[in-house]
Amino acid sequence: MTIGFRVMKRKRTVPAAIVERFAALPVANVSDSMWRMTAGGARLRPYHKEGTRFAGVALTVKTRPGDNLMVHKALDMAGPGDVIVVDAGGDLTNSILGDIMTTIGKKAGIVGFVIDGAIRDVDEIRESGIGMFAAGVTHRGPYKDGPGEINVPVAIDGMIIEPGDLVIGDGDGMLCVPYAEAETVLAASEAKKAAEGREFEAIAAGTQDRAWVDKTLEARGCEFEA
């Protein structure tokens, strides 16, 4: 096959039972459990309805900026629980998709889109209820000529996403959990959420231990005025 213009098959996916458990976790808890070392960049902003949270399996697309031919093909390939992740180079000149493609995706059971590029029809996308992250917005439409690739590794601000990886998103941002690490990260993230739950209980009861703040300042050599 020719590198740059090809459609590949996805050979693995994170199991649905694991995806379902991730859907109940805040992205921030998962991020903390990955030592805060992984992110898709703050410029990817949520364009979905407030309160939307999604978790799904990555179907990746790499396309030239402003062209959505391969995104259309990905829509025809995608199924329930998928997240279409598009590396469009971060260019904002032309939109990669709008409400028509979003509607097609929702009909197919797609739970979210991550577009490293621009989108349009933002009001309609928000009303659709589907998860949507994008780098920006423009009314200018896309081209449909190619080239591009489907189900190849893509990179968004240094975050590598491979076909079949887990992709999650909420109001704080989106994150990829590698296929091979999904179970380990899930266990750590659920433990993190449980620990935060206990902390909120302590706050409500007025028993939270705040001594660590002064201990840390002293250990770091902070001076206090007498």
C-alpha atoms as a PDB file:
ATOM      1  CA  MET A   1       0.000   0.000   0.000  1.00  0.00           C
ATOM      2  CA  THR A   2       1.034   3.601  -0.577  1.00  0.00           C
ATOM      3  CA  ILE A   3       1.824   5.520   2.589  1.00  0.00           C
ATOM      4  CA  GLY A   4      -0.343   8.631   2.708  1.00  0.00           C
ATOM      5  CA  PHE A   5      -3.412   7.358   0.834  1.00  0.00           C
ATOM      6  CA  ARG A   6      -4.730   4.115   2.299  1.00  0.00           C
ATOM      7  CA  VAL A   7      -7.520   2.567   4.339  1.00  0.00           C
ATOM      8  CA  MET A   8      -6.371   0.123   6.992  1.00  0.00           C
ATOM      9  CA  LYS A   9      -8.296  -2.282   9.203  1.00  0.00           C
ATOM     10  CA  ARG A  10      -8.477  -1.813  12.951  1.00  0.00           C
ATOM     11  CA  LYS A  11      -6.981  -4.929  14.493  1.00  0.00           C
ATOM     12  CA  ARG A  12      -7.811  -4.457  18.178  1.00  0.00           C
ATOM     13  CA  THR A  13     -10.211  -2.522  20.405  1.00  0.00           C
ATOM     14  CA  VAL A  14     -10.492  -1.897  24.128  1.00  0.00           C
ATOM     15  CA  PRO A  15     -13.247  -4.217  25.464  1.00  0.00           C
ATOM     16  CA  ALA A  16     -16.699  -2.658  25.854  1.00  0.00           C
ATOM     17  CA  ALA A  17     -16.867  -3.507  29.569  1.00  0.00           C
ATOM     18  CA  ILE A  18     -13.716  -1.456  30.234  1.00  0.00           C
ATOM     19  CA  VAL A  19     -14.983   1.424  28.103  1.00  0.00           C
ATOM     20  CA  GLU A  20     -18.209   1.482  30.126  1.00  0.00           C
ATOM     21  CA  ARG A  21     -16.326   1.787  33.414  1.00  0.00           C
ATOM     22  CA  PHE A  22     -14.160   4.609  32.050  1.00  0.00           C
ATOM     23  CA  ALA A  23     -17.332   6.467  31.044  1.00  0.00           C
ATOM     24  CA  ALA A  24     -18.128   6.933  34.737  1.00  0.00           C
ATOM     25  CA  LEU A  25     -14.753   8.536  35.508  1.00  0.00           C
ATOM     26  CA  PRO A  26     -13.768  12.220  35.247  1.00  0.00           C
ATOM     27  CA  VAL A  27     -11.020  12.822  32.698  1.00  0.00           C
ATOM     28  CA  ALA A  28      -9.032  14.617  35.418  1.00  0.00           C
ATOM     29  CA  ASN A  29      -8.925  11.448  37.553  1.00  0.00           C
ATOM     30  CA  VAL A  30      -7.625   9.439  34.609  1.00  0.00           C
ATOM     31  CA  SER A  31      -5.079  12.128  33.772  1.00  0.00           C
ATOM     32  CA  ASP A  32      -3.780  12.173  37.349  1.00  0.00           C
ATOM     33  CA  SER A  33      -3.483   8.382  37.250  1.00  0.00           C
ATOM     34  CA  MET A  34      -1.261   8.729  34.187  1.00  0.00           C
ATOM     35  CA  TRP A  35       1.049  11.082  36.149  1.00  0.00           C
ATOM     36  CA  ARG A  36      -0.319  14.134  34.265  1.00  0.00           C
ATOM     37  CA  MET A  37       2.068  13.352  31.423  1.00  0.00           C
ATOM     38  CA  THR A  38      -0.471  12.841  28.644  1.00  0.00           C
ATOM     39  CA  ALA A  39      -2.717  15.427  27.000  1.00  0.00           C
ATOM     40  CA  GLY A  40      -4.096  16.397  23.626  1.00  0.00           C
ATOM     41  CA  GLY A  41      -3.330  20.079  24.128  1.00  0.00           C
ATOM     42  CA  ALA A  42      -5.421  22.855  25.603  1.00  0.00           C
ATOM     43  CA  ARG A  43      -6.263  24.229  22.155  1.00  0.00           C
ATOM     44  CA  LEU A  44      -8.641  21.312  21.574  1.00  0.00           C
ATOM     45  CA  ARG A  45     -11.840  22.734  23.033  1.00  0.00           C
ATOM     46  CA  PRO A  46     -15.199  21.095  23.781  1.00  0.00           C
ATOM     47  CA  TYR A  47     -17.951  22.084  21.360  1.00  0.00           C
ATOM     48  CA  HIS A  48     -20.587  19.773  22.777  1.00  0.00           C
ATOM     49  CA  LYS A  49     -23.465  20.392  25.129  1.00  0.00           C
ATOM     50  CA  GLU A  50     -22.480  21.251  28.682  1.00  0.00           C
ATOM     51  CA  GLY A  51     -22.304  18.166  30.855  1.00  0.00           C
ATOM     52  CA  THR A  52     -21.492  15.811  27.987  1.00  0.00           C
ATOM     53  CA  ARG A  53     -19.104  12.979  28.833  1.00  0.00           C
ATOM     54  CA  PHE A  54     -18.020  10.206  26.483  1.00  0.00           C
ATOM     55  CA  ALA A  55     -15.765   7.177  26.321  1.00  0.00           C
ATOM     56  CA  GLY A  56     -15.159   5.097  23.213  1.00  0.00           C
ATOM     57  CA  VAL A  57     -12.736   3.333  20.930  1.00  0.00           C
ATOM     58  CA  ALA A  58     -10.556   5.307  18.527  1.00  0.00           C
ATOM     59  CA  LEU A  59     -11.050   5.071  14.784  1.00  0.00           C
ATOM     60  CA  THR A  60      -8.235   7.263  13.524  1.00  0.00           C
ATOM     61  CA  VAL A  61      -8.000   9.435  10.424  1.00  0.00           C
ATOM     62  CA  LYS A  62      -5.005  11.334   9.110  1.00  0.00           C
ATOM     63  CA  THR A  63      -5.857  13.830   6.399  1.00  0.00           C
ATOM     64  CA  ARG A  64      -4.382  16.822   4.674  1.00  0.00           C
ATOM     65  CA  PRO A  65      -5.547  20.112   6.203  1.00  0.00           C
ATOM     66  CA  GLY A  66      -9.016  21.175   5.089  1.00  0.00           C
ATOM     67  CA  ASP A  67      -9.909  17.902   3.356  1.00  0.00           C
ATOM     68  CA  ASN A  68     -12.507  15.456   4.691  1.00  0.00           C
ATOM     69  CA  LEU A  69     -12.695  12.704   2.049  1.00  0.00           C
ATOM     70  CA  MET A  70     -11.200  10.159   4.445  1.00  0.00           C
ATOM     71  CA  VAL A  71     -13.412  11.367   7.282  1.00  0.00           C
ATOM     72  CA  HIS A  72     -16.434  10.499   5.128  1.00  0.00           C
ATOM     73  CA  LYS A  73     -14.976   7.030   4.573  1.00  0.00           C
ATOM     74  CA  ALA A  74     -14.389   6.676   8.319  1.00  0.00           C
ATOM     75  CA  LEU A  75     -18.057   7.523   8.927  1.00  0.00           C
ATOM     76  CA  ASP A  76     -19.020   4.618   6.672  1.00  0.00           C
ATOM     77  CA  MET A  77     -16.699   2.300   8.613  1.00  0.00           C
ATOM     78  CA  ALA A  78     -17.560   3.408  12.160  1.00  0.00           C
ATOM     79  CA  GLY A  79     -19.976   1.686  14.483  1.00  0.00           C
ATOM     80  CA  PRO A  80     -21.504   1.955  17.958  1.00  0.00           C
ATOM     81  CA  GLY A  81     -19.078   3.119  20.627  1.00  0.00           C
ATOM     82  CA  ASP A  82     -16.487   4.542  18.249  1.00  0.00           C
ATOM     83  CA  VAL A  83     -14.764   7.911  18.531  1.00  0.00           C
ATOM     84  CA  ILE A  84     -13.507   9.287  15.219  1.00  0.00           C
ATOM     85  CA  VAL A  85     -10.153  10.999  15.823  1.00  0.00           C
ATOM     86  CA  VAL A  86      -8.939  13.211  12.978  1.00  0.00           C
ATOM     87  CA  ASP A  87      -5.425  14.581  12.624  1.00  0.00           C
ATOM     88  CA  ALA A  88      -5.967  17.435  10.195  1.00  0.00           C
ATOM     89  CA  GLY A  89      -2.773  19.225  11.100  1.00  0.00           C
ATOM     90  CA  GLY A  90      -4.494  21.722  13.391  1.00  0.00           C
ATOM     91  CA  ASP A  91      -5.316  23.964  10.416  1.00  0.00           C
ATOM     92  CA  LEU A  92      -8.360  26.227  10.848  1.00  0.00           C
ATOM     93  CA  THR A  93      -8.785  27.469   7.280  1.00  0.00           C
ATOM     94  CA  ASN A  94     -11.478  24.977   6.269  1.00  0.00           C
ATOM     95  CA  SER A  95     -13.860  22.980   8.421  1.00  0.00           C
ATOM     96  CA  ILE A  96     -13.518  19.208   8.524  1.00  0.00           C
ATOM     97  CA  LEU A  97     -17.129  18.451   9.409  1.00  0.00           C
ATOM     98  CA  GLY A  98     -20.464  20.009  10.342  1.00  0.00           C
ATOM     99  CA  ASP A  99     -23.968  19.028  11.353  1.00  0.00           C
ATOM    100  CA  ILE A 100     -24.656  16.671   8.423  1.00  0.00           C
ATOM    101  CA  MET A 101     -21.645  14.479   9.155  1.00  0.00           C
ATOM    102  CA  THR A 102     -22.328  14.690  12.878  1.00  0.00           C
ATOM    103  CA  THR A 103     -25.870  13.471  12.269  1.00  0.00           C
ATOM    104  CA  ILE A 104     -24.570  10.556  10.189  1.00  0.00           C
ATOM    105  CA  GLY A 105     -22.173   9.665  12.986  1.00  0.00           C
ATOM    106  CA  LYS A 106     -24.826   9.824  15.685  1.00  0.00           C
ATOM    107  CA  LYS A 107     -27.091   7.588  13.591  1.00  0.00           C
ATOM    108  CA  ALA A 108     -24.237   5.043  13.403  1.00  0.00           C
ATOM    109  CA  GLY A 109     -23.776   5.083  17.174  1.00  0.00           C
ATOM    110  CA  ILE A 110     -20.562   7.106  17.257  1.00  0.00           C
ATOM    111  CA  VAL A 111     -20.145   8.653  20.710  1.00  0.00           C
ATOM    112  CA  GLY A 112     -17.693  11.408  19.867  1.00  0.00           C
ATOM    113  CA  PHE A 113     -15.371  13.209  17.482  1.00  0.00           C
ATOM    114  CA  VAL A 114     -11.905  14.655  18.078  1.00  0.00           C
ATOM    115  CA  ILE A 115     -10.893  17.006  15.279  1.00  0.00           C
ATOM    116  CA  ASP A 116      -7.407  18.512  15.201  1.00  0.00           C
ATOM    117  CA  GLY A 117      -8.747  21.096  12.806  1.00  0.00           C
ATOM    118  CA  ALA A 118     -11.859  23.224  12.417  1.00  0.00           C
ATOM    119  CA  ILE A 119     -15.574  22.423  12.476  1.00  0.00           C
ATOM    120  CA  ARG A 120     -18.713  24.367  11.605  1.00  0.00           C
ATOM    121  CA  ASP A 121     -22.452  24.306  12.458  1.00  0.00           C
ATOM    122  CA  VAL A 122     -21.470  24.566  16.105  1.00  0.00           C
ATOM    123  CA  ASP A 123     -24.953  25.374  17.435  1.00  0.00           C
ATOM    124  CA  GLU A 124     -26.435  22.302  15.761  1.00  0.00           C
ATOM    125  CA  ILE A 125     -23.554  20.111  16.971  1.00  0.00           C
ATOM    126  CA  ARG A 126     -24.130  21.213  20.561  1.00  0.00           C
ATOM    127  CA  GLU A 127     -27.817  20.420  20.287  1.00  0.00           C
ATOM    128  CA  SER A 128     -27.068  16.969  18.879  1.00  0.00           C
ATOM    129  CA  GLY A 129     -25.696  15.789  22.219  1.00  0.00           C
ATOM    130  CA  ILE A 130     -22.708  14.051  20.644  1.00  0.00           C
ATOM    131  CA  GLY A 131     -19.216  14.558  22.069  1.00  0.00           C
ATOM    132  CA  MET A 132     -17.104  16.998  20.054  1.00  0.00           C
ATOM    133  CA  PHE A 133     -13.595  18.380  20.494  1.00  0.00           C
ATOM    134  CA  ALA A 134     -12.008  20.597  17.859  1.00  0.00           C
ATOM    135  CA  ALA A 135      -9.208  23.100  17.489  1.00  0.00           C
ATOM    136  CA  GLY A 136     -11.498  25.854  16.221  1.00  0.00           C
ATOM    137  CA  VAL A 137     -14.440  26.956  14.110  1.00  0.00           C
ATOM    138  CA  THR A 138     -14.865  28.317  10.596  1.00  0.00           C
ATOM    139  CA  HIS A 139     -17.803  28.602   8.216  1.00  0.00           C
ATOM    140  CA  ARG A 140     -15.601  27.749   5.230  1.00  0.00           C
ATOM    141  CA  GLY A 141     -16.329  24.248   4.016  1.00  0.00           C
ATOM    142  CA  PRO A 142     -13.905  21.399   3.280  1.00  0.00           C
ATOM    143  CA  TYR A 143     -12.462  19.866   0.136  1.00  0.00           C
ATOM    144  CA  LYS A 144     -13.015  16.222  -0.714  1.00  0.00           C
ATOM    145  CA  ASP A 145     -10.014  15.121  -2.741  1.00  0.00           C
ATOM    146  CA  GLY A 146      -7.675  13.325  -0.332  1.00  0.00           C
ATOM    147  CA  PRO A 147      -5.105  12.082   0.324  1.00  0.00           C
ATOM    148  CA  GLY A 148      -5.396  10.613   3.791  1.00  0.00           C
ATOM    149  CA  GLU A 149      -5.164   7.475   5.880  1.00  0.00           C
ATOM    150  CA  ILE A 150      -7.557   5.543   8.119  1.00  0.00           C
ATOM    151  CA  ASN A 151      -6.599   3.431  11.124  1.00  0.00           C
ATOM    152  CA  VAL A 152      -2.996   4.564  11.398  1.00  0.00           C
ATOM    153  CA  PRO A 153      -1.317   6.111  14.457  1.00  0.00           C
ATOM    154  CA  VAL A 154      -1.914   9.849  14.751  1.00  0.00           C
ATOM    155  CA  ALA A 155      -0.438  12.501  17.040  1.00  0.00           C
ATOM    156  CA  ILE A 156      -2.256  15.473  18.541  1.00  0.00           C
ATOM    157  CA  ASP A 157       0.074  17.873  20.358  1.00  0.00           C
ATOM    158  CA  GLY A 158       2.361  14.976  21.201  1.00  0.00           C
ATOM    159  CA  MET A 159      -0.374  12.603  22.350  1.00  0.00           C
ATOM    160  CA  ILE A 160      -0.184   9.430  20.277  1.00  0.00           C
ATOM    161  CA  ILE A 161      -3.508   7.773  19.467  1.00  0.00           C
ATOM    162  CA  GLU A 162      -3.542   4.370  17.817  1.00  0.00           C
ATOM    163  CA  PRO A 163      -6.544   2.593  16.307  1.00  0.00           C
ATOM    164  CA  GLY A 164      -8.459   0.799  19.044  1.00  0.00           C
ATOM    165  CA  ASP A 165      -7.126   2.907  21.914  1.00  0.00           C
ATOM    166  CA  LEU A 166      -9.543   4.304  24.470  1.00  0.00           C
ATOM    167  CA  VAL A 167     -10.593   7.938  24.062  1.00  0.00           C
ATOM    168  CA  ILE A 168     -12.455   9.819  26.796  1.00  0.00           C
ATOM    169  CA  GLY A 169     -13.741  13.367  27.032  1.00  0.00           C
ATOM    170  CA  ASP A 170     -15.657  15.728  29.286  1.00  0.00           C
ATOM    171  CA  GLY A 171     -15.696  19.424  30.151  1.00  0.00           C
ATOM    172  CA  ASP A 172     -12.016  19.383  31.152  1.00  0.00           C
ATOM    173  CA  GLY A 173     -10.699  18.006  27.868  1.00  0.00           C
ATOM    174  CA  MET A 174     -10.012  14.735  26.110  1.00  0.00           C
ATOM    175  CA  LEU A 175      -7.469  12.013  26.722  1.00  0.00           C
ATOM    176  CA  CYS A 176      -6.227   8.809  25.109  1.00  0.00           C
ATOM    177  CA  VAL A 177      -5.507   5.712  27.182  1.00  0.00           C
ATOM    178  CA  PRO A 178      -3.338   3.241  25.229  1.00  0.00           C
ATOM    179  CA  TYR A 179      -4.930  -0.123  24.530  1.00  0.00           C
ATOM    180  CA  ALA A 180      -2.237  -2.072  26.383  1.00  0.00           C
ATOM    181  CA  GLU A 181      -2.530   0.096  29.505  1.00  0.00           C
ATOM    182  CA  ALA A 182      -6.314   0.368  29.751  1.00  0.00           C
ATOM    183  CA  GLU A 183      -6.873  -2.091  32.603  1.00  0.00           C
ATOM    184  CA  THR A 184      -3.987  -0.740  34.694  1.00  0.00           C
ATOM    185  CA  VAL A 185      -5.069   2.870  34.223  1.00  0.00           C
ATOM    186  CA  LEU A 186      -8.693   1.955  34.947  1.00  0.00           C
ATOM    187  CA  ALA A 187      -7.808   0.431  38.321  1.00  0.00           C
ATOM    188  CA  ALA A 188      -5.703   3.463  39.289  1.00  0.00           C
ATOM    189  CA  SER A 189      -8.383   5.905  38.129  1.00  0.00           C
ATOM    190  CA  GLU A 190     -11.165   4.183  40.042  1.00  0.00           C
ATOM    191  CA  ALA A 191      -8.968   4.234  43.154  1.00  0.00           C
ATOM    192  CA  LYS A 192      -8.314   7.953  42.596  1.00  0.00           C
ATOM    193  CA  LYS A 193     -12.027   8.688  42.312  1.00  0.00           C
ATOM    194  CA  ALA A 194     -12.730   6.711  45.495  1.00  0.00           C
ATOM    195  CA  ALA A 195     -10.000   8.631  47.354  1.00  0.00           C
ATOM    196  CA  GLU A 196     -11.465  11.947  46.245  1.00  0.00           C
ATOM    197  CA  GLY A 197     -14.860  10.767  47.441  1.00  0.00           C
ATOM    198  CA  ARG A 198     -13.448  10.177  50.899  1.00  0.00           C
ATOM    199  CA  GLU A 199     -11.830  13.622  50.814  1.00  0.00           C
ATOM    200  CA  PHE A 200     -15.165  15.288  50.056  1.00  0.00           C
ATOM    201  CA  GLU A 201     -16.701  13.382  52.954  1.00  0.00           C
ATOM    202  CA  ALA A 202     -13.955  14.692  55.250  1.00  0.00           C
ATOM    203  CA  ILE A 203     -14.525  18.257  54.029  1.00  0.00           C
ATOM    204  CA  ALA A 204     -18.228  17.957  54.764  1.00  0.00           C
ATOM    205  CA  ALA A 205     -17.500  16.544  58.223  1.00  0.00           C
ATOM    206  CA  GLY A 206     -14.871  19.183  58.993  1.00  0.00           C
ATOM    207  CA  THR A 207     -12.197  16.529  59.568  1.00  0.00           C
ATOM    208  CA  GLN A 208      -9.943  17.078  56.558  1.00  0.00           C
ATOM    209  CA  ASP A 209      -6.245  17.165  57.488  1.00  0.00           C
ATOM    210  CA  ARG A 210      -4.623  20.298  56.010  1.00  0.00           C
ATOM    211  CA  ALA A 211      -1.303  19.948  57.856  1.00  0.00           C
ATOM    212  CA  TRP A 212       0.411  18.838  54.652  1.00  0.00           C
ATOM    213  CA  VAL A 213       0.345  22.438  53.315  1.00  0.00           C
ATOM    214  CA  ASP A 214       2.615  23.880  56.026  1.00  0.00           C
ATOM    215  CA  LYS A 215       4.771  20.761  56.054  1.00  0.00           C
ATOM    216  CA  THR A 216       5.390  21.115  52.321  1.00  0.00           C
ATOM    217  CA  LEU A 217       6.172  24.839  52.609  1.00  0.00           C
ATOM    218  CA  GLU A 218       8.649  24.189  55.419  1.00  0.00           C
ATOM    219  CA  ALA A 219      10.285  21.340  53.528  1.00  0.00           C
ATOM    220  CA  ARG A 220      10.697  23.619  50.531  1.00  0.00           C
ATOM    221  CA  GLY A 221      12.387  26.313  52.610  1.00  0.00           C
ATOM    222  CA  CYS A 222       9.547  28.845  52.683  1.00  0.00           C
ATOM    223  CA  GLU A 223      10.073  31.699  55.165  1.00  0.00           C
ATOM    224  CA  PHE A 224       7.216  32.904  57.357  1.00  0.00           C
ATOM    225  CA  GLU A 225       6.984  36.437  58.737  1.00  0.00           C
ATOM    226  CA  ALA A 226       7.103  36.488  62.535  1.00  0.00           C
END
